[in-house]
Amino acid sequence: MGSVDLLGYRVSGAGLEKDVATVHGWIESGVRGRYFACLNPHSVAVASRDPLFRESLQAADLLVADGAGVLLAAKLFGVPIPRRITGSDLFAALTAAASWRPGTRFFFLGSNAEVLDRIGKRMRREFPSIVVCGSYAPPYADSFSEGETLRMVEAVNAARPDVLWVGMTAPKQEKWIFRNRERLMAPCIGAVGAVFDFYAGTKRRSPAIWRKLGLEWLHRFFQEPARMWRRNFVSTPRFLGIVMRELLRLKMRLGRNRQAGETKLRRR
């Protein structure tokens, strides 16, 4: 199974193993500027009011369903998406696969110097066959000047990575990748947000039981209420509204089609 259409986005329904194989194929082929991103209720809600973010998600070469709400929407629309795939899932699976390709080069862009240092140390300890060819901590800002963007692009290109991991949080990271993908020499670019903190150990990912129950969002809210409240109490209702409106639109269209069909039969 390839991609399926959900709420105007082309979402992968292939499963983690095939998604990783797709990304690994980008690395082997040496193509430039392919990127993957994650679709969750918060990103759908934000993108509904941010045209550039929406375009960035729609242009992704691989978009995975990250979030219990996205899986619920898929069921409501009868769209076959087998399971949730998070940025952490992709990072772990792709890193494991890359470790069997000695010399695969990783570059980490985002977060801060401490987190990047921890990532580099852990990566070298756990995956010595992978080359951490560079990292860059941009200044914390809602957007970057052209000069700062150029410095980031030049740092990445000078390091010649096979995979550029970008951890700037959404929607900044997806929009930055979308705007600069043509200038980046990396075959694969991954927008993975909080994965940097999880892998560095500066933040703990929700325990497996919470993830299995589809309640990782609730655990993260308990951990960081000041940061996560907007996702849960603003974005979630907005996402549900988008889903309901789309269901109503679909129901009305089916009703019109049925009525048109009945009219044709009566005329015969």
C-alpha atoms as a PDB file:
ATOM      1  CA  MET A   1       0.000   0.000   0.000  1.00  0.00           C
ATOM      2  CA  GLY A   2       1.301   3.438  -0.904  1.00  0.00           C
ATOM      3  CA  SER A   3      -0.166   6.775   0.125  1.00  0.00           C
ATOM      4  CA  VAL A   4      -3.796   7.569   0.832  1.00  0.00           C
ATOM      5  CA  ASP A   5      -5.692  10.852   0.818  1.00  0.00           C
ATOM      6  CA  LEU A   6      -6.772  12.157   4.218  1.00  0.00           C
ATOM      7  CA  LEU A   7      -8.084  15.671   4.837  1.00  0.00           C
ATOM      8  CA  GLY A   8      -6.269  16.924   1.759  1.00  0.00           C
ATOM      9  CA  TYR A   9      -2.921  15.339   2.659  1.00  0.00           C
ATOM     10  CA  ARG A  10      -1.109  12.438   1.020  1.00  0.00           C
ATOM     11  CA  VAL A  11      -0.402  10.163   3.997  1.00  0.00           C
ATOM     12  CA  SER A  12       1.614   6.963   3.883  1.00  0.00           C
ATOM     13  CA  GLY A  13      -0.310   3.773   4.530  1.00  0.00           C
ATOM     14  CA  ALA A  14       2.654   1.514   3.830  1.00  0.00           C
ATOM     15  CA  GLY A  15       3.779   0.888   7.414  1.00  0.00           C
ATOM     16  CA  LEU A  16       7.044   1.614   9.191  1.00  0.00           C
ATOM     17  CA  GLU A  17       9.187  -1.032   7.501  1.00  0.00           C
ATOM     18  CA  LYS A  18       8.283   0.095   3.988  1.00  0.00           C
ATOM     19  CA  ASP A  19       8.551   3.777   4.926  1.00  0.00           C
ATOM     20  CA  VAL A  20      12.096   3.173   6.165  1.00  0.00           C
ATOM     21  CA  ALA A  21      12.875   1.271   2.963  1.00  0.00           C
ATOM     22  CA  THR A  22      11.615   4.260   0.976  1.00  0.00           C
ATOM     23  CA  VAL A  23      13.850   6.670   2.869  1.00  0.00           C
ATOM     24  CA  HIS A  24      16.808   4.294   2.637  1.00  0.00           C
ATOM     25  CA  GLY A  25      16.234   4.234  -1.116  1.00  0.00           C
ATOM     26  CA  TRP A  26      16.661   8.008  -1.232  1.00  0.00           C
ATOM     27  CA  ILE A  27      20.039   7.664   0.469  1.00  0.00           C
ATOM     28  CA  GLU A  28      21.200   4.917  -1.880  1.00  0.00           C
ATOM     29  CA  SER A  29      20.086   6.797  -4.989  1.00  0.00           C
ATOM     30  CA  GLY A  30      21.823  10.033  -3.989  1.00  0.00           C
ATOM     31  CA  VAL A  31      18.822  12.195  -4.871  1.00  0.00           C
ATOM     32  CA  ARG A  32      18.718  15.648  -3.286  1.00  0.00           C
ATOM     33  CA  GLY A  33      16.169  17.315  -1.066  1.00  0.00           C
ATOM     34  CA  ARG A  34      13.685  14.514  -0.346  1.00  0.00           C
ATOM     35  CA  TYR A  35      12.032  15.015   3.021  1.00  0.00           C
ATOM     36  CA  PHE A  36       9.602  13.409   5.396  1.00  0.00           C
ATOM     37  CA  ALA A  37       7.330  14.917   8.028  1.00  0.00           C
ATOM     38  CA  CYS A  38       4.677  13.866  10.518  1.00  0.00           C
ATOM     39  CA  LEU A  39       0.972  14.679  10.378  1.00  0.00           C
ATOM     40  CA  ASN A  40      -0.826  15.013  13.698  1.00  0.00           C
ATOM     41  CA  PRO A  41      -3.979  16.826  14.897  1.00  0.00           C
ATOM     42  CA  HIS A  42      -1.981  19.872  15.969  1.00  0.00           C
ATOM     43  CA  SER A  43      -0.273  20.232  12.583  1.00  0.00           C
ATOM     44  CA  VAL A  44      -3.590  19.824  10.732  1.00  0.00           C
ATOM     45  CA  ALA A  45      -5.144  22.525  12.929  1.00  0.00           C
ATOM     46  CA  VAL A  46      -2.224  24.945  12.524  1.00  0.00           C
ATOM     47  CA  ALA A  47      -1.968  24.296   8.788  1.00  0.00           C
ATOM     48  CA  SER A  48      -5.655  25.165   8.357  1.00  0.00           C
ATOM     49  CA  ARG A  49      -4.672  28.771   9.127  1.00  0.00           C
ATOM     50  CA  ASP A  50      -1.102  28.762   7.802  1.00  0.00           C
ATOM     51  CA  PRO A  51      -0.994  28.288   4.008  1.00  0.00           C
ATOM     52  CA  LEU A  52       2.806  27.906   3.876  1.00  0.00           C
ATOM     53  CA  PHE A  53       2.773  25.210   6.538  1.00  0.00           C
ATOM     54  CA  ARG A  54      -0.041  23.399   4.724  1.00  0.00           C
ATOM     55  CA  GLU A  55       1.939  23.539   1.476  1.00  0.00           C
ATOM     56  CA  SER A  56       5.043  22.279   3.290  1.00  0.00           C
ATOM     57  CA  LEU A  57       3.172  19.215   4.568  1.00  0.00           C
ATOM     58  CA  GLN A  58       1.480  18.559   1.240  1.00  0.00           C
ATOM     59  CA  ALA A  59       4.819  18.750  -0.589  1.00  0.00           C
ATOM     60  CA  ALA A  60       6.554  16.240   1.701  1.00  0.00           C
ATOM     61  CA  ASP A  61       7.861  13.190  -0.142  1.00  0.00           C
ATOM     62  CA  LEU A  62       6.747  11.059   2.801  1.00  0.00           C
ATOM     63  CA  LEU A  63       4.101  12.067   5.334  1.00  0.00           C
ATOM     64  CA  VAL A  64       3.324   9.669   8.170  1.00  0.00           C
ATOM     65  CA  ALA A  65       0.302   9.514  10.478  1.00  0.00           C
ATOM     66  CA  ASP A  66       1.503  10.628  13.886  1.00  0.00           C
ATOM     67  CA  GLY A  67      -1.287  10.901  16.420  1.00  0.00           C
ATOM     68  CA  ALA A  68      -4.285   8.938  17.663  1.00  0.00           C
ATOM     69  CA  GLY A  69      -6.544  11.654  16.259  1.00  0.00           C
ATOM     70  CA  VAL A  70      -5.228  11.112  12.734  1.00  0.00           C
ATOM     71  CA  LEU A  71      -5.874   7.369  13.000  1.00  0.00           C
ATOM     72  CA  LEU A  72      -9.387   8.075  14.274  1.00  0.00           C
ATOM     73  CA  ALA A  73     -10.024  10.375  11.316  1.00  0.00           C
ATOM     74  CA  ALA A  74      -8.730   7.690   8.966  1.00  0.00           C
ATOM     75  CA  LYS A  75     -11.232   5.195  10.398  1.00  0.00           C
ATOM     76  CA  LEU A  76     -14.101   7.661  10.078  1.00  0.00           C
ATOM     77  CA  PHE A  77     -13.276   8.197   6.406  1.00  0.00           C
ATOM     78  CA  GLY A  78     -12.582   4.527   5.741  1.00  0.00           C
ATOM     79  CA  VAL A  79      -8.956   5.226   4.886  1.00  0.00           C
ATOM     80  CA  PRO A  80      -6.569   2.274   5.471  1.00  0.00           C
ATOM     81  CA  ILE A  81      -3.710   3.455   7.676  1.00  0.00           C
ATOM     82  CA  PRO A  82      -2.448   0.437   9.660  1.00  0.00           C
ATOM     83  CA  ARG A  83      -0.768   2.158  12.603  1.00  0.00           C
ATOM     84  CA  ARG A  84       0.575   5.352  14.046  1.00  0.00           C
ATOM     85  CA  ILE A  85       4.168   6.238  13.141  1.00  0.00           C
ATOM     86  CA  THR A  86       5.914   8.952  15.130  1.00  0.00           C
ATOM     87  CA  GLY A  87       9.059  10.911  14.422  1.00  0.00           C
ATOM     88  CA  SER A  88      10.729   8.845  17.160  1.00  0.00           C
ATOM     89  CA  ASP A  89       9.700   5.637  15.378  1.00  0.00           C
ATOM     90  CA  LEU A  90      11.196   6.822  12.105  1.00  0.00           C
ATOM     91  CA  PHE A  91      14.355   8.076  13.769  1.00  0.00           C
ATOM     92  CA  ALA A  92      14.946   4.800  15.619  1.00  0.00           C
ATOM     93  CA  ALA A  93      14.157   2.556  12.651  1.00  0.00           C
ATOM     94  CA  LEU A  94      16.110   4.581  10.103  1.00  0.00           C
ATOM     95  CA  THR A  95      19.117   4.865  12.425  1.00  0.00           C
ATOM     96  CA  ALA A  96      19.100   1.100  12.979  1.00  0.00           C
ATOM     97  CA  ALA A  97      18.906   0.521   9.219  1.00  0.00           C
ATOM     98  CA  ALA A  98      21.656   3.074   8.532  1.00  0.00           C
ATOM     99  CA  SER A  99      23.953   1.362  11.016  1.00  0.00           C
ATOM    100  CA  TRP A 100      24.140  -1.562   8.591  1.00  0.00           C
ATOM    101  CA  ARG A 101      25.458   0.829   5.946  1.00  0.00           C
ATOM    102  CA  PRO A 102      28.860   1.790   7.405  1.00  0.00           C
ATOM    103  CA  GLY A 103      29.803   5.380   6.781  1.00  0.00           C
ATOM    104  CA  THR A 104      26.253   6.761   6.602  1.00  0.00           C
ATOM    105  CA  ARG A 105      26.531  10.422   7.506  1.00  0.00           C
ATOM    106  CA  PHE A 106      24.118  12.207   9.885  1.00  0.00           C
ATOM    107  CA  PHE A 107      23.825  15.953  10.468  1.00  0.00           C
ATOM    108  CA  PHE A 108      21.708  17.414  13.279  1.00  0.00           C
ATOM    109  CA  LEU A 109      20.207  20.887  12.827  1.00  0.00           C
ATOM    110  CA  GLY A 110      18.240  22.540  15.617  1.00  0.00           C
ATOM    111  CA  SER A 111      17.831  22.694  19.404  1.00  0.00           C
ATOM    112  CA  ASN A 112      20.870  23.924  21.366  1.00  0.00           C
ATOM    113  CA  ALA A 113      24.541  23.126  21.860  1.00  0.00           C
ATOM    114  CA  GLU A 114      24.009  20.953  24.938  1.00  0.00           C
ATOM    115  CA  VAL A 115      21.379  18.770  23.270  1.00  0.00           C
ATOM    116  CA  LEU A 116      23.457  18.425  20.098  1.00  0.00           C
ATOM    117  CA  ASP A 117      26.522  17.441  22.131  1.00  0.00           C
ATOM    118  CA  ARG A 118      24.535  14.755  23.960  1.00  0.00           C
ATOM    119  CA  ILE A 119      23.122  13.437  20.694  1.00  0.00           C
ATOM    120  CA  GLY A 120      26.575  13.195  19.149  1.00  0.00           C
ATOM    121  CA  LYS A 121      28.026  11.349  22.144  1.00  0.00           C
ATOM    122  CA  ARG A 122      25.163   8.872  22.355  1.00  0.00           C
ATOM    123  CA  MET A 123      25.140   8.299  18.613  1.00  0.00           C
ATOM    124  CA  ARG A 124      28.874   7.551  18.544  1.00  0.00           C
ATOM    125  CA  ARG A 125      28.483   5.186  21.485  1.00  0.00           C
ATOM    126  CA  GLU A 126      25.451   3.263  20.207  1.00  0.00           C
ATOM    127  CA  PHE A 127      26.040   3.436  16.449  1.00  0.00           C
ATOM    128  CA  PRO A 128      29.781   3.747  15.802  1.00  0.00           C
ATOM    129  CA  SER A 129      29.313   2.823  12.131  1.00  0.00           C
ATOM    130  CA  ILE A 130      27.311   6.036  11.581  1.00  0.00           C
ATOM    131  CA  VAL A 131      29.330   9.212  11.056  1.00  0.00           C
ATOM    132  CA  VAL A 132      27.988  12.280  12.854  1.00  0.00           C
ATOM    133  CA  CYS A 133      29.420  14.662  10.302  1.00  0.00           C
ATOM    134  CA  GLY A 134      28.155  17.855  11.884  1.00  0.00           C
ATOM    135  CA  SER A 135      25.574  19.748  13.896  1.00  0.00           C
ATOM    136  CA  TYR A 136      24.311  23.311  14.067  1.00  0.00           C
ATOM    137  CA  ALA A 137      22.300  25.092  16.760  1.00  0.00           C
ATOM    138  CA  PRO A 138      20.551  28.084  15.164  1.00  0.00           C
ATOM    139  CA  PRO A 139      19.451  31.038  17.284  1.00  0.00           C
ATOM    140  CA  TYR A 140      16.049  30.663  18.884  1.00  0.00           C
ATOM    141  CA  ALA A 141      13.629  32.673  16.767  1.00  0.00           C
ATOM    142  CA  ASP A 142      10.246  32.339  15.077  1.00  0.00           C
ATOM    143  CA  SER A 143      11.967  32.837  11.724  1.00  0.00           C
ATOM    144  CA  PHE A 144      15.504  33.231  10.413  1.00  0.00           C
ATOM    145  CA  SER A 145      17.124  36.007   8.414  1.00  0.00           C
ATOM    146  CA  GLU A 146      18.468  35.180   4.978  1.00  0.00           C
ATOM    147  CA  GLY A 147      21.997  35.498   6.352  1.00  0.00           C
ATOM    148  CA  GLU A 148      21.362  32.978   9.143  1.00  0.00           C
ATOM    149  CA  THR A 149      19.597  30.639   6.735  1.00  0.00           C
ATOM    150  CA  LEU A 150      22.565  30.816   4.363  1.00  0.00           C
ATOM    151  CA  ARG A 151      24.955  29.928   7.199  1.00  0.00           C
ATOM    152  CA  MET A 152      22.810  26.916   8.084  1.00  0.00           C
ATOM    153  CA  VAL A 153      22.637  25.729   4.486  1.00  0.00           C
ATOM    154  CA  GLU A 154      26.384  26.165   3.994  1.00  0.00           C
ATOM    155  CA  ALA A 155      27.164  24.242   7.196  1.00  0.00           C
ATOM    156  CA  VAL A 156      24.982  21.343   6.062  1.00  0.00           C
ATOM    157  CA  ASN A 157      26.347  21.258   2.522  1.00  0.00           C
ATOM    158  CA  ALA A 158      29.960  21.436   3.683  1.00  0.00           C
ATOM    159  CA  ALA A 159      29.396  18.329   5.826  1.00  0.00           C
ATOM    160  CA  ARG A 160      27.818  16.321   2.961  1.00  0.00           C
ATOM    161  CA  PRO A 161      25.314  14.347   5.088  1.00  0.00           C
ATOM    162  CA  ASP A 162      23.236  11.449   3.854  1.00  0.00           C
ATOM    163  CA  VAL A 163      20.531  12.357   6.365  1.00  0.00           C
ATOM    164  CA  LEU A 164      19.814  15.830   7.692  1.00  0.00           C
ATOM    165  CA  TRP A 165      17.781  15.658  10.886  1.00  0.00           C
ATOM    166  CA  VAL A 166      15.915  18.892  11.635  1.00  0.00           C
ATOM    167  CA  GLY A 167      14.571  19.480  15.134  1.00  0.00           C
ATOM    168  CA  MET A 168      13.116  22.981  15.374  1.00  0.00           C
ATOM    169  CA  THR A 169       9.494  22.091  16.294  1.00  0.00           C
ATOM    170  CA  ALA A 170       6.521  22.478  13.968  1.00  0.00           C
ATOM    171  CA  PRO A 171       5.666  24.448  11.936  1.00  0.00           C
ATOM    172  CA  LYS A 172       9.051  26.184  11.770  1.00  0.00           C
ATOM    173  CA  GLN A 173      11.019  23.077  10.805  1.00  0.00           C
ATOM    174  CA  GLU A 174       8.718  21.986   7.972  1.00  0.00           C
ATOM    175  CA  LYS A 175       8.552  25.471   6.489  1.00  0.00           C
ATOM    176  CA  TRP A 176      12.331  25.865   6.698  1.00  0.00           C
ATOM    177  CA  ILE A 177      12.868  22.549   4.922  1.00  0.00           C
ATOM    178  CA  PHE A 178      10.295  23.371   2.246  1.00  0.00           C
ATOM    179  CA  ARG A 179      11.862  26.757   1.544  1.00  0.00           C
ATOM    180  CA  ASN A 180      15.428  25.446   1.389  1.00  0.00           C
ATOM    181  CA  ARG A 181      15.198  21.883   0.085  1.00  0.00           C
ATOM    182  CA  GLU A 182      16.483  22.909  -3.352  1.00  0.00           C
ATOM    183  CA  ARG A 183      19.628  24.403  -1.770  1.00  0.00           C
ATOM    184  CA  LEU A 184      20.422  21.453   0.499  1.00  0.00           C
ATOM    185  CA  MET A 185      22.750  18.726  -0.739  1.00  0.00           C
ATOM    186  CA  ALA A 186      21.387  16.018   1.592  1.00  0.00           C
ATOM    187  CA  PRO A 187      19.473  13.145  -0.064  1.00  0.00           C
ATOM    188  CA  CYS A 188      17.181  12.784   2.951  1.00  0.00           C
ATOM    189  CA  ILE A 189      15.809  15.433   5.323  1.00  0.00           C
ATOM    190  CA  GLY A 190      13.705  14.509   8.322  1.00  0.00           C
ATOM    191  CA  ALA A 191      11.523  16.885  10.357  1.00  0.00           C
ATOM    192  CA  VAL A 192      11.481  15.217  13.768  1.00  0.00           C
ATOM    193  CA  GLY A 193      10.876  17.954  16.359  1.00  0.00           C
ATOM    194  CA  ALA A 194      11.048  16.670  19.936  1.00  0.00           C
ATOM    195  CA  VAL A 195      13.111  13.615  18.931  1.00  0.00           C
ATOM    196  CA  PHE A 196      16.271  15.622  19.585  1.00  0.00           C
ATOM    197  CA  ASP A 197      15.352  16.080  23.247  1.00  0.00           C
ATOM    198  CA  PHE A 198      14.177  12.492  23.633  1.00  0.00           C
ATOM    199  CA  TYR A 199      17.364  11.030  22.189  1.00  0.00           C
ATOM    200  CA  ALA A 200      19.573  13.455  24.123  1.00  0.00           C
ATOM    201  CA  GLY A 201      17.787  12.524  27.334  1.00  0.00           C
ATOM    202  CA  THR A 202      16.884  16.111  28.207  1.00  0.00           C
ATOM    203  CA  LYS A 203      13.206  15.112  28.021  1.00  0.00           C
ATOM    204  CA  ARG A 204      11.599  11.739  28.559  1.00  0.00           C
ATOM    205  CA  ARG A 205       9.284  10.235  25.974  1.00  0.00           C
ATOM    206  CA  SER A 206       5.981   8.917  27.294  1.00  0.00           C
ATOM    207  CA  PRO A 207       6.080   5.312  28.577  1.00  0.00           C
ATOM    208  CA  ALA A 208       5.034   2.588  26.150  1.00  0.00           C
ATOM    209  CA  ILE A 209       1.706   1.958  27.876  1.00  0.00           C
ATOM    210  CA  TRP A 210       0.624   5.566  27.280  1.00  0.00           C
ATOM    211  CA  ARG A 211       1.644   5.309  23.629  1.00  0.00           C
ATOM    212  CA  LYS A 212      -0.162   1.999  23.202  1.00  0.00           C
ATOM    213  CA  LEU A 213      -3.366   3.501  24.605  1.00  0.00           C
ATOM    214  CA  GLY A 214      -3.079   6.503  22.282  1.00  0.00           C
ATOM    215  CA  LEU A 215      -2.582   8.826  25.259  1.00  0.00           C
ATOM    216  CA  GLU A 216       0.956  10.055  24.693  1.00  0.00           C
ATOM    217  CA  TRP A 217      -0.490  13.538  24.246  1.00  0.00           C
ATOM    218  CA  LEU A 218      -1.926  13.404  27.783  1.00  0.00           C
ATOM    219  CA  HIS A 219       1.341  12.284  29.339  1.00  0.00           C
ATOM    220  CA  ARG A 220       3.201  15.072  27.530  1.00  0.00           C
ATOM    221  CA  PHE A 221       0.624  17.566  28.789  1.00  0.00           C
ATOM    222  CA  PHE A 222       1.265  16.451  32.377  1.00  0.00           C
ATOM    223  CA  GLN A 223       4.995  16.898  31.788  1.00  0.00           C
ATOM    224  CA  GLU A 224       4.824  20.296  30.049  1.00  0.00           C
ATOM    225  CA  PRO A 225       1.413  21.902  30.638  1.00  0.00           C
ATOM    226  CA  ALA A 226       2.593  25.428  29.814  1.00  0.00           C
ATOM    227  CA  ARG A 227       3.869  24.279  26.415  1.00  0.00           C
ATOM    228  CA  MET A 228       1.264  21.649  25.542  1.00  0.00           C
ATOM    229  CA  TRP A 229      -1.999  23.265  26.628  1.00  0.00           C
ATOM    230  CA  ARG A 230      -2.500  25.019  23.311  1.00  0.00           C
ATOM    231  CA  ARG A 231      -2.119  21.744  21.410  1.00  0.00           C
ATOM    232  CA  ASN A 232      -4.683  20.001  23.594  1.00  0.00           C
ATOM    233  CA  PHE A 233      -7.235  22.726  24.251  1.00  0.00           C
ATOM    234  CA  VAL A 234      -7.007  24.823  21.081  1.00  0.00           C
ATOM    235  CA  SER A 235      -5.665  22.607  18.294  1.00  0.00           C
ATOM    236  CA  THR A 236      -7.585  19.447  19.221  1.00  0.00           C
ATOM    237  CA  PRO A 237     -11.064  21.064  19.100  1.00  0.00           C
ATOM    238  CA  ARG A 238     -10.100  22.801  15.861  1.00  0.00           C
ATOM    239  CA  PHE A 239      -8.930  19.480  14.395  1.00  0.00           C
ATOM    240  CA  LEU A 240     -12.205  17.788  15.395  1.00  0.00           C
ATOM    241  CA  GLY A 241     -14.106  20.632  13.764  1.00  0.00           C
ATOM    242  CA  ILE A 242     -12.145  20.133  10.535  1.00  0.00           C
ATOM    243  CA  VAL A 243     -12.933  16.410  10.582  1.00  0.00           C
ATOM    244  CA  MET A 244     -16.632  16.979  11.248  1.00  0.00           C
ATOM    245  CA  ARG A 245     -16.928  19.560   8.481  1.00  0.00           C
ATOM    246  CA  GLU A 246     -15.198  17.230   6.034  1.00  0.00           C
ATOM    247  CA  LEU A 247     -17.502  14.353   7.014  1.00  0.00           C
ATOM    248  CA  LEU A 248     -20.537  16.585   6.524  1.00  0.00           C
ATOM    249  CA  ARG A 249     -19.255  17.773   3.165  1.00  0.00           C
ATOM    250  CA  LEU A 250     -18.667  14.183   2.080  1.00  0.00           C
ATOM    251  CA  LYS A 251     -22.129  13.122   3.271  1.00  0.00           C
ATOM    252  CA  MET A 252     -23.762  15.988   1.370  1.00  0.00           C
ATOM    253  CA  ARG A 253     -21.831  15.138  -1.796  1.00  0.00           C
ATOM    254  CA  LEU A 254     -22.857  11.486  -1.560  1.00  0.00           C
ATOM    255  CA  GLY A 255     -26.447  12.590  -1.030  1.00  0.00           C
ATOM    256  CA  ARG A 256     -26.361  14.785  -4.147  1.00  0.00           C
ATOM    257  CA  ASN A 257     -24.821  11.972  -6.188  1.00  0.00           C
ATOM    258  CA  ARG A 258     -27.475   9.535  -4.977  1.00  0.00           C
ATOM    259  CA  GLN A 259     -30.236  12.001  -5.767  1.00  0.00           C
ATOM    260  CA  ALA A 260     -28.809  12.609  -9.238  1.00  0.00           C
ATOM    261  CA  GLY A 261     -28.655   8.855  -9.820  1.00  0.00           C
ATOM    262  CA  GLU A 262     -32.273   8.393  -8.761  1.00  0.00           C
ATOM    263  CA  THR A 263     -33.338  11.235 -11.043  1.00  0.00           C
ATOM    264  CA  LYS A 264     -31.647   9.571 -14.015  1.00  0.00           C
ATOM    265  CA  LEU A 265     -33.373   6.268 -13.247  1.00  0.00           C
ATOM    266  CA  ARG A 266     -36.804   7.948 -13.097  1.00  0.00           C
ATOM    267  CA  ARG A 267     -36.210   9.646 -16.450  1.00  0.00           C
ATOM    268  CA  ARG A 268     -35.470   6.279 -18.028  1.00  0.00           C
END
